[in-house]
Amino acid sequence: MDLKAEMTNLAARYWREQDLKNTGTYFIKCHNFVKIGYGSDCRQRLIECQVGNPYKLQLTLVLPSNFEYSLHAKLRDLHHQGDWHHIAGRLQDFLEKNSILPPNEWGA
């Protein structure tokens, strides 16, 4: 593994460990959908969402402030149901560039 890939993996692991603990606007991915919400314990929220969901959920990103409602308004055209949005277009680009998931774990 080259240095760049190694540093990317270390950074992704660090941010994944840090962001899972923090309060903020979270993005929980399930197939081609993402749940955008706000919570004080993103790791616990992921566990709560996983209960009753037959598909594996992944916390892909945590922003350190409450952007939930403004994002819902801006992404109205991608709205599916409740807090869930289709991963497409500008939302997909944003998540792919900013996700805390390693590149090999990203994808629909």
PDB file of N, CA and C in Angstrom:
ATOM      1  N   MET A   1       0.855  -1.173   0.000  1.00  0.00           N
ATOM      2  CA  MET A   1       0.000   0.000   0.000  1.00  0.00           C
ATOM      3  C   MET A   1       0.900   1.235   0.000  1.00  0.00           C
ATOM      4  N   ASP A   2       0.594   2.172  -0.893  1.00  0.00           N
ATOM      5  CA  ASP A   2       1.414   3.377  -0.941  1.00  0.00           C
ATOM      6  C   ASP A   2       1.044   4.326   0.199  1.00  0.00           C
ATOM      7  N   LEU A   3       1.871   5.330   0.412  1.00  0.00           N
ATOM      8  CA  LEU A   3       1.706   6.254   1.536  1.00  0.00           C
ATOM      9  C   LEU A   3       0.373   6.998   1.462  1.00  0.00           C
ATOM     10  N   LYS A   4       0.003   7.446   0.268  1.00  0.00           N
ATOM     11  CA  LYS A   4      -1.248   8.191   0.125  1.00  0.00           C
ATOM     12  C   LYS A   4      -2.448   7.327   0.532  1.00  0.00           C
ATOM     13  N   ALA A   5      -2.468   6.101   0.079  1.00  0.00           N
ATOM     14  CA  ALA A   5      -3.567   5.196   0.422  1.00  0.00           C
ATOM     15  C   ALA A   5      -3.569   4.894   1.921  1.00  0.00           C
ATOM     16  N   GLU A   6      -2.388   4.712   2.486  1.00  0.00           N
ATOM     17  CA  GLU A   6      -2.282   4.434   3.915  1.00  0.00           C
ATOM     18  C   GLU A   6      -2.792   5.624   4.741  1.00  0.00           C
ATOM     19  N   MET A   7      -2.406   6.839   4.356  1.00  0.00           N
ATOM     20  CA  MET A   7      -2.860   8.036   5.064  1.00  0.00           C
ATOM     21  C   MET A   7      -4.371   8.217   4.907  1.00  0.00           C
ATOM     22  N   THR A   8      -4.886   7.926   3.727  1.00  0.00           N
ATOM     23  CA  THR A   8      -6.327   8.024   3.500  1.00  0.00           C
ATOM     24  C   THR A   8      -7.069   7.052   4.408  1.00  0.00           C
ATOM     25  N   ASN A   9      -6.563   5.828   4.514  1.00  0.00           N
ATOM     26  CA  ASN A   9      -7.188   4.834   5.386  1.00  0.00           C
ATOM     27  C   ASN A   9      -7.134   5.253   6.843  1.00  0.00           C
ATOM     28  N   LEU A  10      -5.984   5.782   7.288  1.00  0.00           N
ATOM     29  CA  LEU A  10      -5.855   6.234   8.667  1.00  0.00           C
ATOM     30  C   LEU A  10      -6.803   7.395   8.950  1.00  0.00           C
ATOM     31  N   ALA A  11      -6.856   8.344   8.027  1.00  0.00           N
ATOM     32  CA  ALA A  11      -7.738   9.494   8.209  1.00  0.00           C
ATOM     33  C   ALA A  11      -9.202   9.057   8.245  1.00  0.00           C
ATOM     34  N   ALA A  12      -9.579   8.155   7.350  1.00  0.00           N
ATOM     35  CA  ALA A  12     -10.962   7.677   7.316  1.00  0.00           C
ATOM     36  C   ALA A  12     -11.311   6.968   8.615  1.00  0.00           C
ATOM     37  N   ARG A  13     -10.400   6.136   9.099  1.00  0.00           N
ATOM     38  CA  ARG A  13     -10.655   5.418  10.357  1.00  0.00           C
ATOM     39  C   ARG A  13     -10.764   6.402  11.521  1.00  0.00           C
ATOM     40  N   TYR A  14      -9.885   7.403  11.572  1.00  0.00           N
ATOM     41  CA  TYR A  14      -9.927   8.399  12.641  1.00  0.00           C
ATOM     42  C   TYR A  14     -11.251   9.148  12.623  1.00  0.00           C
ATOM     43  N   TRP A  15     -11.623   9.658  11.451  1.00  0.00           N
ATOM     44  CA  TRP A  15     -12.856  10.441  11.376  1.00  0.00           C
ATOM     45  C   TRP A  15     -14.076   9.577  11.633  1.00  0.00           C
ATOM     46  N   ARG A  16     -14.041   8.333  11.193  1.00  0.00           N
ATOM     47  CA  ARG A  16     -15.164   7.437  11.460  1.00  0.00           C
ATOM     48  C   ARG A  16     -15.318   7.261  12.964  1.00  0.00           C
ATOM     49  N   GLU A  17     -14.213   7.030  13.672  1.00  0.00           N
ATOM     50  CA  GLU A  17     -14.270   6.841  15.121  1.00  0.00           C
ATOM     51  C   GLU A  17     -14.715   8.121  15.820  1.00  0.00           C
ATOM     52  N   GLN A  18     -14.230   9.275  15.372  1.00  0.00           N
ATOM     53  CA  GLN A  18     -14.599  10.536  16.004  1.00  0.00           C
ATOM     54  C   GLN A  18     -16.043  10.916  15.695  1.00  0.00           C
ATOM     55  N   ASP A  19     -16.407  10.859  14.434  1.00  0.00           N
ATOM     56  CA  ASP A  19     -17.720  11.333  14.025  1.00  0.00           C
ATOM     57  C   ASP A  19     -18.852  10.479  14.560  1.00  0.00           C
ATOM     58  N   LEU A  20     -18.598   9.187  14.767  1.00  0.00           N
ATOM     59  CA  LEU A  20     -19.640   8.323  15.288  1.00  0.00           C
ATOM     60  C   LEU A  20     -20.043   8.720  16.707  1.00  0.00           C
ATOM     61  N   LYS A  21     -19.185   9.451  17.399  1.00  0.00           N
ATOM     62  CA  LYS A  21     -19.440   9.809  18.789  1.00  0.00           C
ATOM     63  C   LYS A  21     -20.082  11.177  18.927  1.00  0.00           C
ATOM     64  N   ASN A  22     -20.045  11.977  17.921  1.00  0.00           N
ATOM     65  CA  ASN A  22     -20.380  13.391  18.050  1.00  0.00           C
ATOM     66  C   ASN A  22     -21.842  13.702  17.787  1.00  0.00           C
ATOM     67  N   THR A  23     -22.232  14.846  18.316  1.00  0.00           N
ATOM     68  CA  THR A  23     -23.530  15.432  18.014  1.00  0.00           C
ATOM     69  C   THR A  23     -23.439  16.091  16.647  1.00  0.00           C
ATOM     70  N   GLY A  24     -24.478  15.979  15.867  1.00  0.00           N
ATOM     71  CA  GLY A  24     -24.454  16.663  14.592  1.00  0.00           C
ATOM     72  C   GLY A  24     -25.516  16.171  13.640  1.00  0.00           C
ATOM     73  N   THR A  25     -25.450  16.700  12.438  1.00  0.00           N
ATOM     74  CA  THR A  25     -26.327  16.266  11.359  1.00  0.00           C
ATOM     75  C   THR A  25     -25.705  15.014  10.762  1.00  0.00           C
ATOM     76  N   TYR A  26     -26.458  13.924  10.793  1.00  0.00           N
ATOM     77  CA  TYR A  26     -25.918  12.645  10.323  1.00  0.00           C
ATOM     78  C   TYR A  26     -26.561  12.248   8.997  1.00  0.00           C
ATOM     79  N   PHE A  27     -25.807  11.431   8.265  1.00  0.00           N
ATOM     80  CA  PHE A  27     -26.257  10.854   7.005  1.00  0.00           C
ATOM     81  C   PHE A  27     -26.111   9.347   7.152  1.00  0.00           C
ATOM     82  N   ILE A  28     -27.232   8.647   7.194  1.00  0.00           N
ATOM     83  CA  ILE A  28     -27.224   7.189   7.325  1.00  0.00           C
ATOM     84  C   ILE A  28     -27.669   6.609   5.994  1.00  0.00           C
ATOM     85  N   LYS A  29     -26.804   5.804   5.410  1.00  0.00           N
ATOM     86  CA  LYS A  29     -27.029   5.260   4.069  1.00  0.00           C
ATOM     87  C   LYS A  29     -27.644   3.870   4.133  1.00  0.00           C
ATOM     88  N   CYS A  30     -28.602   3.634   3.233  1.00  0.00           N
ATOM     89  CA  CYS A  30     -29.191   2.314   3.043  1.00  0.00           C
ATOM     90  C   CYS A  30     -29.469   2.158   1.558  1.00  0.00           C
ATOM     91  N   HIS A  31     -28.660   1.348   0.895  1.00  0.00           N
ATOM     92  CA  HIS A  31     -28.764   1.154  -0.550  1.00  0.00           C
ATOM     93  C   HIS A  31     -28.698   2.501  -1.277  1.00  0.00           C
ATOM     94  N   ASN A  32     -29.735   2.865  -2.022  1.00  0.00           N
ATOM     95  CA  ASN A  32     -29.716   4.113  -2.791  1.00  0.00           C
ATOM     96  C   ASN A  32     -30.417   5.263  -2.072  1.00  0.00           C
ATOM     97  N   PHE A  33     -30.539   5.131  -0.758  1.00  0.00           N
ATOM     98  CA  PHE A  33     -31.200   6.165   0.043  1.00  0.00           C
ATOM     99  C   PHE A  33     -30.291   6.603   1.179  1.00  0.00           C
ATOM    100  N   VAL A  34     -30.518   7.824   1.655  1.00  0.00           N
ATOM    101  CA  VAL A  34     -29.791   8.321   2.818  1.00  0.00           C
ATOM    102  C   VAL A  34     -30.779   9.032   3.733  1.00  0.00           C
ATOM    103  N   LYS A  35     -30.665   8.745   5.022  1.00  0.00           N
ATOM    104  CA  LYS A  35     -31.477   9.414   6.041  1.00  0.00           C
ATOM    105  C   LYS A  35     -30.672  10.595   6.554  1.00  0.00           C
ATOM    106  N   ILE A  36     -31.265  11.771   6.508  1.00  0.00           N
ATOM    107  CA  ILE A  36     -30.603  12.975   7.000  1.00  0.00           C
ATOM    108  C   ILE A  36     -31.340  13.410   8.263  1.00  0.00           C
ATOM    109  N   GLY A  37     -30.615  13.435   9.371  1.00  0.00           N
ATOM    110  CA  GLY A  37     -31.220  13.813  10.639  1.00  0.00           C
ATOM    111  C   GLY A  37     -30.211  14.498  11.534  1.00  0.00           C
ATOM    112  N   TYR A  38     -30.645  14.839  12.735  1.00  0.00           N
ATOM    113  CA  TYR A  38     -29.780  15.501  13.705  1.00  0.00           C
ATOM    114  C   TYR A  38     -29.915  14.771  15.033  1.00  0.00           C
ATOM    115  N   GLY A  39     -28.790  14.548  15.697  1.00  0.00           N
ATOM    116  CA  GLY A  39     -28.844  13.854  16.973  1.00  0.00           C
ATOM    117  C   GLY A  39     -27.643  14.149  17.846  1.00  0.00           C
ATOM    118  N   SER A  40     -27.795  13.815  19.121  1.00  0.00           N
ATOM    119  CA  SER A  40     -26.722  14.062  20.081  1.00  0.00           C
ATOM    120  C   SER A  40     -25.779  12.872  20.198  1.00  0.00           C
ATOM    121  N   ASP A  41     -26.174  11.715  19.693  1.00  0.00           N
ATOM    122  CA  ASP A  41     -25.315  10.526  19.731  1.00  0.00           C
ATOM    123  C   ASP A  41     -25.546   9.747  18.443  1.00  0.00           C
ATOM    124  N   CYS A  42     -24.736  10.030  17.451  1.00  0.00           N
ATOM    125  CA  CYS A  42     -24.948   9.451  16.120  1.00  0.00           C
ATOM    126  C   CYS A  42     -24.779   7.937  16.109  1.00  0.00           C
ATOM    127  N   ARG A  43     -23.892   7.413  16.927  1.00  0.00           N
ATOM    128  CA  ARG A  43     -23.711   5.958  17.001  1.00  0.00           C
ATOM    129  C   ARG A  43     -24.999   5.317  17.517  1.00  0.00           C
ATOM    130  N   GLN A  44     -25.577   5.887  18.559  1.00  0.00           N
ATOM    131  CA  GLN A  44     -26.819   5.351  19.111  1.00  0.00           C
ATOM    132  C   GLN A  44     -27.957   5.480  18.103  1.00  0.00           C
ATOM    133  N   ARG A  45     -28.001   6.570  17.367  1.00  0.00           N
ATOM    134  CA  ARG A  45     -29.053   6.759  16.369  1.00  0.00           C
ATOM    135  C   ARG A  45     -28.945   5.722  15.262  1.00  0.00           C
ATOM    136  N   LEU A  46     -27.716   5.396  14.856  1.00  0.00           N
ATOM    137  CA  LEU A  46     -27.514   4.352  13.855  1.00  0.00           C
ATOM    138  C   LEU A  46     -28.055   3.020  14.365  1.00  0.00           C
ATOM    139  N   ILE A  47     -27.768   2.696  15.620  1.00  0.00           N
ATOM    140  CA  ILE A  47     -28.254   1.443  16.218  1.00  0.00           C
ATOM    141  C   ILE A  47     -29.782   1.439  16.257  1.00  0.00           C
ATOM    142  N   GLU A  48     -30.367   2.565  16.664  1.00  0.00           N
ATOM    143  CA  GLU A  48     -31.828   2.660  16.725  1.00  0.00           C
ATOM    144  C   GLU A  48     -32.463   2.481  15.340  1.00  0.00           C
ATOM    145  N   CYS A  49     -31.873   3.077  14.345  1.00  0.00           N
ATOM    146  CA  CYS A  49     -32.403   2.954  12.980  1.00  0.00           C
ATOM    147  C   CYS A  49     -32.223   1.534  12.449  1.00  0.00           C
ATOM    148  N   GLN A  50     -31.153   0.870  12.860  1.00  0.00           N
ATOM    149  CA  GLN A  50     -30.876  -0.483  12.365  1.00  0.00           C
ATOM    150  C   GLN A  50     -31.913  -1.478  12.877  1.00  0.00           C
ATOM    151  N   VAL A  51     -32.397  -1.275  14.109  1.00  0.00           N
ATOM    152  CA  VAL A  51     -33.418  -2.157  14.668  1.00  0.00           C
ATOM    153  C   VAL A  51     -34.669  -2.052  13.799  1.00  0.00           C
ATOM    154  N   GLY A  52     -35.156  -3.158  13.343  1.00  0.00           N
ATOM    155  CA  GLY A  52     -36.344  -3.149  12.511  1.00  0.00           C
ATOM    156  C   GLY A  52     -36.069  -2.919  11.037  1.00  0.00           C
ATOM    157  N   ASN A  53     -34.808  -2.712  10.675  1.00  0.00           N
ATOM    158  CA  ASN A  53     -34.462  -2.538   9.263  1.00  0.00           C
ATOM    159  C   ASN A  53     -33.708  -3.781   8.805  1.00  0.00           C
ATOM    160  N   PRO A  54     -34.202  -4.492   7.808  1.00  0.00           N
ATOM    161  CA  PRO A  54     -33.550  -5.730   7.375  1.00  0.00           C
ATOM    162  C   PRO A  54     -32.258  -5.519   6.582  1.00  0.00           C
ATOM    163  N   TYR A  55     -31.964  -4.277   6.194  1.00  0.00           N
ATOM    164  CA  TYR A  55     -30.776  -3.983   5.408  1.00  0.00           C
ATOM    165  C   TYR A  55     -29.723  -3.315   6.280  1.00  0.00           C
ATOM    166  N   LYS A  56     -28.457  -3.545   5.948  1.00  0.00           N
ATOM    167  CA  LYS A  56     -27.373  -2.937   6.706  1.00  0.00           C
ATOM    168  C   LYS A  56     -27.357  -1.427   6.458  1.00  0.00           C
ATOM    169  N   LEU A  57     -27.315  -0.668   7.547  1.00  0.00           N
ATOM    170  CA  LEU A  57     -27.221   0.783   7.470  1.00  0.00           C
ATOM    171  C   LEU A  57     -25.780   1.193   7.744  1.00  0.00           C
ATOM    172  N   GLN A  58     -25.351   2.296   7.137  1.00  0.00           N
ATOM    173  CA  GLN A  58     -23.991   2.802   7.336  1.00  0.00           C
ATOM    174  C   GLN A  58     -24.045   4.295   7.604  1.00  0.00           C
ATOM    175  N   LEU A  59     -23.369   4.709   8.667  1.00  0.00           N
ATOM    176  CA  LEU A  59     -23.216   6.128   8.931  1.00  0.00           C
ATOM    177  C   LEU A  59     -22.138   6.635   7.990  1.00  0.00           C
ATOM    178  N   THR A  60     -22.518   7.517   7.065  1.00  0.00           N
ATOM    179  CA  THR A  60     -21.561   7.946   6.048  1.00  0.00           C
ATOM    180  C   THR A  60     -20.928   9.298   6.329  1.00  0.00           C
ATOM    181  N   LEU A  61     -21.596  10.116   7.135  1.00  0.00           N
ATOM    182  CA  LEU A  61     -21.068  11.452   7.378  1.00  0.00           C
ATOM    183  C   LEU A  61     -21.776  12.068   8.570  1.00  0.00           C
ATOM    184  N   VAL A  62     -21.034  12.870   9.349  1.00  0.00           N
ATOM    185  CA  VAL A  62     -21.613  13.666  10.429  1.00  0.00           C
ATOM    186  C   VAL A  62     -21.076  15.081  10.294  1.00  0.00           C
ATOM    187  N   LEU A  63     -21.988  16.045  10.221  1.00  0.00           N
ATOM    188  CA  LEU A  63     -21.607  17.457  10.198  1.00  0.00           C
ATOM    189  C   LEU A  63     -21.794  18.016  11.600  1.00  0.00           C
ATOM    190  N   PRO A  64     -20.866  18.843  12.089  1.00  0.00           N
ATOM    191  CA  PRO A  64     -20.873  19.250  13.494  1.00  0.00           C
ATOM    192  C   PRO A  64     -21.861  20.355  13.863  1.00  0.00           C
ATOM    193  N   SER A  65     -22.985  20.418  13.199  1.00  0.00           N
ATOM    194  CA  SER A  65     -23.991  21.421  13.531  1.00  0.00           C
ATOM    195  C   SER A  65     -25.330  20.914  13.011  1.00  0.00           C
ATOM    196  N   ASN A  66     -26.404  21.634  13.302  1.00  0.00           N
ATOM    197  CA  ASN A  66     -27.722  21.187  12.884  1.00  0.00           C
ATOM    198  C   ASN A  66     -28.105  21.815  11.543  1.00  0.00           C
ATOM    199  N   PHE A  67     -27.962  21.018  10.495  1.00  0.00           N
ATOM    200  CA  PHE A  67     -28.335  21.430   9.142  1.00  0.00           C
ATOM    201  C   PHE A  67     -29.519  20.628   8.624  1.00  0.00           C
ATOM    202  N   GLU A  68     -30.141  19.845   9.501  1.00  0.00           N
ATOM    203  CA  GLU A  68     -31.175  18.911   9.067  1.00  0.00           C
ATOM    204  C   GLU A  68     -32.270  19.581   8.241  1.00  0.00           C
ATOM    205  N   TYR A  69     -32.924  20.607   8.791  1.00  0.00           N
ATOM    206  CA  TYR A  69     -34.074  21.186   8.098  1.00  0.00           C
ATOM    207  C   TYR A  69     -33.677  21.962   6.854  1.00  0.00           C
ATOM    208  N   SER A  70     -32.539  22.634   6.900  1.00  0.00           N
ATOM    209  CA  SER A  70     -32.114  23.359   5.695  1.00  0.00           C
ATOM    210  C   SER A  70     -31.750  22.383   4.579  1.00  0.00           C
ATOM    211  N   LEU A  71     -31.149  21.245   4.928  1.00  0.00           N
ATOM    212  CA  LEU A  71     -30.837  20.231   3.910  1.00  0.00           C
ATOM    213  C   LEU A  71     -32.106  19.606   3.353  1.00  0.00           C
ATOM    214  N   HIS A  72     -33.077  19.338   4.229  1.00  0.00           N
ATOM    215  CA  HIS A  72     -34.347  18.782   3.739  1.00  0.00           C
ATOM    216  C   HIS A  72     -34.987  19.732   2.727  1.00  0.00           C
ATOM    217  N   ALA A  73     -34.940  21.024   3.014  1.00  0.00           N
ATOM    218  CA  ALA A  73     -35.531  22.008   2.102  1.00  0.00           C
ATOM    219  C   ALA A  73     -34.760  22.062   0.784  1.00  0.00           C
ATOM    220  N   LYS A  74     -33.437  22.058   0.858  1.00  0.00           N
ATOM    221  CA  LYS A  74     -32.623  22.142  -0.357  1.00  0.00           C
ATOM    222  C   LYS A  74     -32.677  20.876  -1.192  1.00  0.00           C
ATOM    223  N   LEU A  75     -32.982  19.751  -0.555  1.00  0.00           N
ATOM    224  CA  LEU A  75     -32.994  18.467  -1.261  1.00  0.00           C
ATOM    225  C   LEU A  75     -34.418  17.951  -1.472  1.00  0.00           C
ATOM    226  N   ARG A  76     -35.361  18.847  -1.463  1.00  0.00           N
ATOM    227  CA  ARG A  76     -36.778  18.470  -1.612  1.00  0.00           C
ATOM    228  C   ARG A  76     -37.018  17.627  -2.862  1.00  0.00           C
ATOM    229  N   ASP A  77     -36.299  17.934  -3.936  1.00  0.00           N
ATOM    230  CA  ASP A  77     -36.487  17.192  -5.190  1.00  0.00           C
ATOM    231  C   ASP A  77     -35.994  15.743  -5.089  1.00  0.00           C
ATOM    232  N   LEU A  78     -35.191  15.429  -4.076  1.00  0.00           N
ATOM    233  CA  LEU A  78     -34.686  14.071  -3.880  1.00  0.00           C
ATOM    234  C   LEU A  78     -35.385  13.356  -2.731  1.00  0.00           C
ATOM    235  N   HIS A  79     -36.403  13.999  -2.154  1.00  0.00           N
ATOM    236  CA  HIS A  79     -37.106  13.431  -1.006  1.00  0.00           C
ATOM    237  C   HIS A  79     -37.812  12.142  -1.392  1.00  0.00           C
ATOM    238  N   HIS A  80     -37.731  11.144  -0.499  1.00  0.00           N
ATOM    239  CA  HIS A  80     -38.435   9.876  -0.704  1.00  0.00           C
ATOM    240  C   HIS A  80     -39.582   9.741   0.294  1.00  0.00           C
ATOM    241  N   GLN A  81     -39.222   9.676   1.584  1.00  0.00           N
ATOM    242  CA  GLN A  81     -40.229   9.531   2.636  1.00  0.00           C
ATOM    243  C   GLN A  81     -39.583   9.886   3.972  1.00  0.00           C
ATOM    244  N   GLY A  82     -40.292  10.625   4.806  1.00  0.00           N
ATOM    245  CA  GLY A  82     -39.748  11.006   6.109  1.00  0.00           C
ATOM    246  C   GLY A  82     -38.427  11.753   5.953  1.00  0.00           C
ATOM    247  N   ASP A  83     -37.398  11.258   6.612  1.00  0.00           N
ATOM    248  CA  ASP A  83     -36.059  11.864   6.521  1.00  0.00           C
ATOM    249  C   ASP A  83     -35.210  11.235   5.424  1.00  0.00           C
ATOM    250  N   TRP A  84     -35.776  10.342   4.632  1.00  0.00           N
ATOM    251  CA  TRP A  84     -35.015   9.600   3.619  1.00  0.00           C
ATOM    252  C   TRP A  84     -35.051  10.303   2.271  1.00  0.00           C
ATOM    253  N   HIS A  85     -33.873  10.324   1.633  1.00  0.00           N
ATOM    254  CA  HIS A  85     -33.698  10.964   0.328  1.00  0.00           C
ATOM    255  C   HIS A  85     -33.006   9.996  -0.632  1.00  0.00           C
ATOM    256  N   HIS A  86     -33.322  10.121  -1.914  1.00  0.00           N
ATOM    257  CA  HIS A  86     -32.640   9.360  -2.953  1.00  0.00           C
ATOM    258  C   HIS A  86     -31.202   9.868  -3.057  1.00  0.00           C
ATOM    259  N   ILE A  87     -30.256   8.957  -3.166  1.00  0.00           N
ATOM    260  CA  ILE A  87     -28.865   9.351  -3.394  1.00  0.00           C
ATOM    261  C   ILE A  87     -28.688   9.494  -4.900  1.00  0.00           C
ATOM    262  N   ALA A  88     -28.635  10.739  -5.351  1.00  0.00           N
ATOM    263  CA  ALA A  88     -28.495  11.025  -6.778  1.00  0.00           C
ATOM    264  C   ALA A  88     -27.967  12.445  -6.936  1.00  0.00           C
ATOM    265  N   GLY A  89     -27.469  12.740  -8.103  1.00  0.00           N
ATOM    266  CA  GLY A  89     -27.060  14.101  -8.458  1.00  0.00           C
ATOM    267  C   GLY A  89     -26.124  14.746  -7.462  1.00  0.00           C
ATOM    268  N   ARG A  90     -26.473  15.967  -7.057  1.00  0.00           N
ATOM    269  CA  ARG A  90     -25.587  16.744  -6.188  1.00  0.00           C
ATOM    270  C   ARG A  90     -25.435  16.107  -4.803  1.00  0.00           C
ATOM    271  N   LEU A  91     -26.463  15.403  -4.321  1.00  0.00           N
ATOM    272  CA  LEU A  91     -26.343  14.722  -3.029  1.00  0.00           C
ATOM    273  C   LEU A  91     -25.345  13.577  -3.128  1.00  0.00           C
ATOM    274  N   GLN A  92     -25.396  12.817  -4.195  1.00  0.00           N
ATOM    275  CA  GLN A  92     -24.444  11.732  -4.391  1.00  0.00           C
ATOM    276  C   GLN A  92     -23.025  12.281  -4.500  1.00  0.00           C
ATOM    277  N   ASP A  93     -22.840  13.341  -5.266  1.00  0.00           N
ATOM    278  CA  ASP A  93     -21.513  13.950  -5.397  1.00  0.00           C
ATOM    279  C   ASP A  93     -20.984  14.398  -4.035  1.00  0.00           C
ATOM    280  N   PHE A  94     -21.835  15.059  -3.248  1.00  0.00           N
ATOM    281  CA  PHE A  94     -21.440  15.542  -1.927  1.00  0.00           C
ATOM    282  C   PHE A  94     -21.035  14.384  -1.018  1.00  0.00           C
ATOM    283  N   LEU A  95     -21.845  13.335  -0.995  1.00  0.00           N
ATOM    284  CA  LEU A  95     -21.540  12.201  -0.120  1.00  0.00           C
ATOM    285  C   LEU A  95     -20.278  11.468  -0.556  1.00  0.00           C
ATOM    286  N   GLU A  96     -20.095  11.299  -1.846  1.00  0.00           N
ATOM    287  CA  GLU A  96     -18.899  10.613  -2.323  1.00  0.00           C
ATOM    288  C   GLU A  96     -17.630  11.390  -1.979  1.00  0.00           C
ATOM    289  N   LYS A  97     -17.707  12.714  -2.010  1.00  0.00           N
ATOM    290  CA  LYS A  97     -16.525  13.536  -1.705  1.00  0.00           C
ATOM    291  C   LYS A  97     -16.260  13.661  -0.218  1.00  0.00           C
ATOM    292  N   ASN A  98     -17.296  13.555   0.615  1.00  0.00           N
ATOM    293  CA  ASN A  98     -17.161  13.848   2.038  1.00  0.00           C
ATOM    294  C   ASN A  98     -17.418  12.674   2.967  1.00  0.00           C
ATOM    295  N   SER A  99     -17.761  11.531   2.429  1.00  0.00           N
ATOM    296  CA  SER A  99     -18.106  10.381   3.248  1.00  0.00           C
ATOM    297  C   SER A  99     -16.957   9.963   4.153  1.00  0.00           C
ATOM    298  N   ILE A 100     -17.295   9.498   5.363  1.00  0.00           N
ATOM    299  CA  ILE A 100     -16.280   8.945   6.257  1.00  0.00           C
ATOM    300  C   ILE A 100     -16.071   7.461   5.984  1.00  0.00           C
ATOM    301  N   LEU A 101     -16.855   6.898   5.059  1.00  0.00           N
ATOM    302  CA  LEU A 101     -16.639   5.512   4.669  1.00  0.00           C
ATOM    303  C   LEU A 101     -15.437   5.413   3.752  1.00  0.00           C
ATOM    304  N   PRO A 102     -14.627   4.383   3.922  1.00  0.00           N
ATOM    305  CA  PRO A 102     -13.540   4.178   2.961  1.00  0.00           C
ATOM    306  C   PRO A 102     -14.126   3.946   1.560  1.00  0.00           C
ATOM    307  N   PRO A 103     -13.380   4.305   0.520  1.00  0.00           N
ATOM    308  CA  PRO A 103     -13.901   4.196  -0.856  1.00  0.00           C
ATOM    309  C   PRO A 103     -14.430   2.810  -1.194  1.00  0.00           C
ATOM    310  N   ASN A 104     -13.831   1.744  -0.668  1.00  0.00           N
ATOM    311  CA  ASN A 104     -14.286   0.403  -0.999  1.00  0.00           C
ATOM    312  C   ASN A 104     -15.617   0.050  -0.337  1.00  0.00           C
ATOM    313  N   GLU A 105     -16.096   0.862   0.619  1.00  0.00           N
ATOM    314  CA  GLU A 105     -17.378   0.623   1.254  1.00  0.00           C
ATOM    315  C   GLU A 105     -18.471   1.508   0.680  1.00  0.00           C
ATOM    316  N   TRP A 106     -18.105   2.417  -0.233  1.00  0.00           N
ATOM    317  CA  TRP A 106     -19.113   3.292  -0.825  1.00  0.00           C
ATOM    318  C   TRP A 106     -19.744   2.586  -2.007  1.00  0.00           C
ATOM    319  N   GLY A 107     -20.940   2.912  -2.288  1.00  0.00           N
ATOM    320  CA  GLY A 107     -21.633   2.353  -3.449  1.00  0.00           C
ATOM    321  C   GLY A 107     -23.050   1.992  -3.081  1.00  0.00           C
ATOM    322  N   ALA A 108     -23.869   1.905  -4.077  1.00  0.00           N
ATOM    323  CA  ALA A 108     -25.293   1.620  -3.837  1.00  0.00           C
ATOM    324  C   ALA A 108     -25.529   0.160  -3.643  1.00  0.00           C
TER     325      ALA A 108
END
